[in-house]
Amino acid sequence: MKENNQASDDPRISALLRQARLAPDLPPRFPQQVWRRIENAAAPATSASWLDAVVNLLLRPKLALAAVALVLLMGGLAGTLEGRQAARHDAQMHYLASVAPAALR
């Protein structure tokens, strides 16, 4: 078995490979478009209204999760308070019915 030991760092081969590498043509006005995109990304986003700003803020994943958790917590709290109030009202009606049944008619 004969080893074919070619030098991989041969300067002639490296020069040929560099020349053979094709670079695609850039689209027209490419640098201007790149700079325009950079300027647009660096410019602060202006929202049409405060509602757009709030929606854009809430669409971020961490803030969206926090907003959902807050809404669920507030809904649970409101339900608990409403249930408590209804239970108190029912207890008062049961007590009144047991003490003075004629007063409810």
Protein backbone atom coordinates (compact mmCIF):
# COMPACT_ATOMS: atom_id res chain seq x y z
CA MET A 1 0.00 0.00 0.00
CA LYS A 2 1.58 3.17 -1.19
CA GLU A 3 0.89 6.38 0.67
CA ASN A 4 0.19 9.44 -1.41
CA ASN A 5 1.49 12.12 0.91
CA GLN A 6 0.81 15.50 -0.66
CA ALA A 7 1.54 18.63 1.24
CA SER A 8 -1.77 20.25 2.14
CA ASP A 9 -0.14 23.62 2.67
CA ASP A 10 1.26 23.94 -0.83
CA PRO A 11 1.05 27.66 -1.79
CA ARG A 12 0.22 26.88 -5.43
CA ILE A 13 -2.79 24.79 -4.46
CA SER A 14 -3.95 27.41 -1.98
CA ALA A 15 -3.70 30.12 -4.66
CA LEU A 16 -5.67 28.00 -7.12
CA LEU A 17 -8.37 27.31 -4.55
CA ARG A 18 -8.68 31.01 -3.72
CA GLN A 19 -9.07 31.87 -7.38
CA ALA A 20 -11.67 29.15 -7.90
CA ARG A 21 -13.89 30.43 -5.08
CA LEU A 22 -16.89 32.20 -6.59
CA ALA A 23 -18.41 35.23 -4.93
CA PRO A 24 -22.05 35.92 -5.83
CA ASP A 25 -22.92 39.33 -7.22
CA LEU A 26 -24.62 41.59 -4.72
CA PRO A 27 -28.03 43.05 -5.55
CA PRO A 28 -28.10 46.65 -6.75
CA ARG A 29 -27.88 49.30 -4.01
CA PHE A 30 -27.01 46.64 -1.44
CA PRO A 31 -24.88 48.88 0.84
CA GLN A 32 -27.59 51.57 0.94
CA GLN A 33 -30.20 48.98 1.88
CA VAL A 34 -27.98 47.58 4.62
CA TRP A 35 -27.41 51.03 6.14
CA ARG A 36 -31.13 51.83 5.92
CA ARG A 37 -31.96 48.63 7.80
CA ILE A 38 -29.36 49.43 10.46
CA GLU A 39 -30.75 52.94 10.91
CA ASN A 40 -34.33 51.64 11.12
CA ALA A 41 -33.33 49.07 13.73
CA ALA A 42 -31.46 51.67 15.78
CA ALA A 43 -34.27 54.22 15.62
CA PRO A 44 -36.74 54.08 18.51
CA ALA A 45 -40.06 52.59 17.51
CA THR A 46 -42.88 55.11 17.61
CA SER A 47 -46.32 53.70 18.27
CA ALA A 48 -49.49 55.20 16.90
CA SER A 49 -51.18 55.04 20.30
CA TRP A 50 -50.58 54.03 23.87
CA LEU A 51 -52.62 50.88 23.23
CA ASP A 52 -50.16 49.75 20.55
CA ALA A 53 -47.30 50.32 22.97
CA VAL A 54 -49.01 48.24 25.68
CA VAL A 55 -49.81 45.43 23.23
CA ASN A 56 -46.22 45.39 21.96
CA LEU A 57 -44.97 45.25 25.53
CA LEU A 58 -47.32 42.42 26.48
CA LEU A 59 -46.35 40.35 23.44
CA ARG A 60 -42.91 39.74 24.88
CA PRO A 61 -42.86 36.19 26.27
CA LYS A 62 -41.84 36.99 29.86
CA LEU A 63 -44.26 39.87 30.19
CA ALA A 64 -47.04 37.91 28.50
CA LEU A 65 -46.62 35.11 31.04
CA ALA A 66 -46.64 37.61 33.90
CA ALA A 67 -49.77 39.30 32.51
CA VAL A 68 -51.61 35.98 32.20
CA ALA A 69 -50.61 35.02 35.74
CA LEU A 70 -51.79 38.41 37.03
CA VAL A 71 -55.14 38.13 35.23
CA LEU A 72 -55.67 34.60 36.60
CA LEU A 73 -54.78 35.74 40.12
CA MET A 74 -57.12 38.73 39.95
CA GLY A 75 -59.91 36.56 38.51
CA GLY A 76 -59.48 34.06 41.33
CA LEU A 77 -59.50 36.83 43.91
CA ALA A 78 -62.64 38.41 42.42
CA GLY A 79 -64.37 35.02 42.34
CA THR A 80 -63.45 34.36 45.96
CA LEU A 81 -64.78 37.73 47.09
CA GLU A 82 -68.01 37.28 45.11
CA GLY A 83 -68.49 33.78 46.51
CA ARG A 84 -67.90 35.02 50.02
CA GLN A 85 -70.47 37.77 49.57
CA ALA A 86 -73.02 35.33 48.15
CA ALA A 87 -72.41 32.89 51.01
CA ARG A 88 -72.88 35.68 53.56
CA HIS A 89 -76.14 36.74 51.90
CA ASP A 90 -77.40 33.14 51.87
CA ALA A 91 -76.48 32.71 55.55
CA GLN A 92 -78.36 35.89 56.43
CA MET A 93 -81.44 34.69 54.53
CA HIS A 94 -81.31 31.28 56.23
CA TYR A 95 -80.98 32.91 59.63
CA LEU A 96 -83.86 35.29 58.91
CA ALA A 97 -85.99 32.37 57.68
CA SER A 98 -85.30 30.42 60.87
CA VAL A 99 -85.97 33.37 63.23
CA ALA A 100 -88.85 35.12 61.49
CA PRO A 101 -90.26 33.05 58.62
CA ALA A 102 -93.12 35.49 58.06
CA ALA A 103 -90.74 38.39 57.44
CA LEU A 104 -89.55 36.88 54.16
CA ARG A 105 -93.04 36.83 52.60
